[in-house]
């Protein structure tokens, strides 16, 4: 079931990934499983299934709450702060 929070409802235009790479893993020679794009600053980083968990670290460092999946066939948003998940078309 979808859950909507204020952080998600405030998003009017999605920031899409510029490239399908984790920007931090590229710098360190790391590897990633899945990618997420921050809806505050637009950075694309790896998910919690990846060894480095860069997007969660980004949230803790910046408090940027909402990400979208950067995976081609996934259309959803996640709010770290409110633990809210919403699919979109």
C-alpha atoms as a PDB file:
ATOM      1  CA  UNK A   1       0.000   0.000   0.000  1.00  0.00           C
ATOM      2  CA  UNK A   2       1.276   3.461  -0.854  1.00  0.00           C
ATOM      3  CA  UNK A   3       1.958   5.917   1.942  1.00  0.00           C
ATOM      4  CA  UNK A   4       2.199   9.614   1.233  1.00  0.00           C
ATOM      5  CA  UNK A   5       4.052  12.032   3.460  1.00  0.00           C
ATOM      6  CA  UNK A   6       4.609  15.768   3.202  1.00  0.00           C
ATOM      7  CA  UNK A   7       8.112  15.331   1.790  1.00  0.00           C
ATOM      8  CA  UNK A   8       6.819  13.219  -1.093  1.00  0.00           C
ATOM      9  CA  UNK A   9       3.795  15.426  -1.806  1.00  0.00           C
ATOM     10  CA  UNK A  10       6.086  18.467  -2.076  1.00  0.00           C
ATOM     11  CA  UNK A  11       7.904  16.948  -5.071  1.00  0.00           C
ATOM     12  CA  UNK A  12       6.534  18.368  -8.297  1.00  0.00           C
ATOM     13  CA  UNK A  13       9.259  17.439 -10.812  1.00  0.00           C
ATOM     14  CA  UNK A  14      11.336  14.273 -10.547  1.00  0.00           C
ATOM     15  CA  UNK A  15      15.092  14.564 -10.716  1.00  0.00           C
ATOM     16  CA  UNK A  16      16.159  11.690 -12.959  1.00  0.00           C
ATOM     17  CA  UNK A  17      19.625  10.117 -12.906  1.00  0.00           C
ATOM     18  CA  UNK A  18      22.217  11.663 -15.215  1.00  0.00           C
ATOM     19  CA  UNK A  19      24.060   8.345 -15.455  1.00  0.00           C
ATOM     20  CA  UNK A  20      23.273   4.881 -14.140  1.00  0.00           C
ATOM     21  CA  UNK A  21      26.275   4.715 -11.816  1.00  0.00           C
ATOM     22  CA  UNK A  22      26.825   5.305  -8.112  1.00  0.00           C
ATOM     23  CA  UNK A  23      28.823   8.532  -8.110  1.00  0.00           C
ATOM     24  CA  UNK A  24      30.676   7.583  -4.900  1.00  0.00           C
ATOM     25  CA  UNK A  25      31.417   3.970  -5.919  1.00  0.00           C
ATOM     26  CA  UNK A  26      32.941   5.261  -9.157  1.00  0.00           C
ATOM     27  CA  UNK A  27      35.334   7.441  -7.115  1.00  0.00           C
ATOM     28  CA  UNK A  28      36.406   4.566  -4.855  1.00  0.00           C
ATOM     29  CA  UNK A  29      36.293   1.663  -7.303  1.00  0.00           C
ATOM     30  CA  UNK A  30      33.361   0.138  -5.412  1.00  0.00           C
ATOM     31  CA  UNK A  31      30.419  -1.859  -6.747  1.00  0.00           C
ATOM     32  CA  UNK A  32      26.696  -1.391  -6.382  1.00  0.00           C
ATOM     33  CA  UNK A  33      23.508  -3.415  -6.649  1.00  0.00           C
ATOM     34  CA  UNK A  34      20.763  -0.836  -7.280  1.00  0.00           C
ATOM     35  CA  UNK A  35      20.722   2.916  -7.640  1.00  0.00           C
ATOM     36  CA  UNK A  36      18.665   5.713  -6.081  1.00  0.00           C
ATOM     37  CA  UNK A  37      18.478   9.398  -7.054  1.00  0.00           C
ATOM     38  CA  UNK A  38      18.107  12.080  -4.383  1.00  0.00           C
ATOM     39  CA  UNK A  39      15.157  14.356  -5.070  1.00  0.00           C
ATOM     40  CA  UNK A  40      16.740  17.298  -3.273  1.00  0.00           C
ATOM     41  CA  UNK A  41      20.136  17.516  -4.988  1.00  0.00           C
ATOM     42  CA  UNK A  42      19.921  14.975  -7.845  1.00  0.00           C
ATOM     43  CA  UNK A  43      22.911  12.803  -6.868  1.00  0.00           C
ATOM     44  CA  UNK A  44      22.645   9.115  -7.804  1.00  0.00           C
ATOM     45  CA  UNK A  45      24.049   6.672  -5.255  1.00  0.00           C
ATOM     46  CA  UNK A  46      23.824   2.999  -4.312  1.00  0.00           C
ATOM     47  CA  UNK A  47      21.107   1.421  -2.161  1.00  0.00           C
ATOM     48  CA  UNK A  48      21.243  -0.519   1.103  1.00  0.00           C
ATOM     49  CA  UNK A  49      21.715  -3.819  -0.768  1.00  0.00           C
ATOM     50  CA  UNK A  50      25.053  -2.465  -1.970  1.00  0.00           C
ATOM     51  CA  UNK A  51      28.190  -2.880   0.160  1.00  0.00           C
ATOM     52  CA  UNK A  52      28.737   0.870   0.725  1.00  0.00           C
ATOM     53  CA  UNK A  53      25.082   1.993   1.231  1.00  0.00           C
ATOM     54  CA  UNK A  54      25.957   5.442  -0.105  1.00  0.00           C
ATOM     55  CA  UNK A  55      22.385   6.783  -0.402  1.00  0.00           C
ATOM     56  CA  UNK A  56      21.536   6.071   3.233  1.00  0.00           C
ATOM     57  CA  UNK A  57      24.821   7.704   4.244  1.00  0.00           C
ATOM     58  CA  UNK A  58      23.877  10.683   2.055  1.00  0.00           C
ATOM     59  CA  UNK A  59      20.527  10.984   3.856  1.00  0.00           C
ATOM     60  CA  UNK A  60      22.203  10.912   7.286  1.00  0.00           C
ATOM     61  CA  UNK A  61      24.793  13.506   6.212  1.00  0.00           C
ATOM     62  CA  UNK A  62      22.388  15.895   4.447  1.00  0.00           C
ATOM     63  CA  UNK A  63      18.850  15.143   5.715  1.00  0.00           C
ATOM     64  CA  UNK A  64      17.649  15.034   2.089  1.00  0.00           C
ATOM     65  CA  UNK A  65      14.575  12.853   2.701  1.00  0.00           C
ATOM     66  CA  UNK A  66      13.237  11.562  -0.654  1.00  0.00           C
ATOM     67  CA  UNK A  67      14.789   9.345  -3.316  1.00  0.00           C
ATOM     68  CA  UNK A  68      13.482   7.641  -6.409  1.00  0.00           C
ATOM     69  CA  UNK A  69      14.660   4.352  -7.785  1.00  0.00           C
ATOM     70  CA  UNK A  70      17.093   4.967 -10.627  1.00  0.00           C
ATOM     71  CA  UNK A  71      16.467   1.455 -11.955  1.00  0.00           C
ATOM     72  CA  UNK A  72      14.910   1.584 -15.453  1.00  0.00           C
ATOM     73  CA  UNK A  73      11.774  -0.480 -14.715  1.00  0.00           C
ATOM     74  CA  UNK A  74      11.075   0.787 -11.184  1.00  0.00           C
ATOM     75  CA  UNK A  75       8.837   3.797 -10.574  1.00  0.00           C
ATOM     76  CA  UNK A  76       8.680   4.636  -6.903  1.00  0.00           C
ATOM     77  CA  UNK A  77       9.695   7.179  -4.284  1.00  0.00           C
ATOM     78  CA  UNK A  78      10.942   6.524  -0.748  1.00  0.00           C
ATOM     79  CA  UNK A  79      11.089   8.991   2.117  1.00  0.00           C
ATOM     80  CA  UNK A  80      13.823   8.083   4.578  1.00  0.00           C
ATOM     81  CA  UNK A  81      12.542  10.441   7.248  1.00  0.00           C
ATOM     82  CA  UNK A  82       8.954   9.163   7.288  1.00  0.00           C
ATOM     83  CA  UNK A  83       9.646   5.643   5.937  1.00  0.00           C
ATOM     84  CA  UNK A  84       6.998   6.282   3.274  1.00  0.00           C
ATOM     85  CA  UNK A  85       6.835   4.478  -0.079  1.00  0.00           C
ATOM     86  CA  UNK A  86       4.832   5.608  -3.129  1.00  0.00           C
ATOM     87  CA  UNK A  87       4.660   4.158  -6.636  1.00  0.00           C
ATOM     88  CA  UNK A  88       4.050   6.467  -9.602  1.00  0.00           C
ATOM     89  CA  UNK A  89       3.246   6.143 -13.295  1.00  0.00           C
END
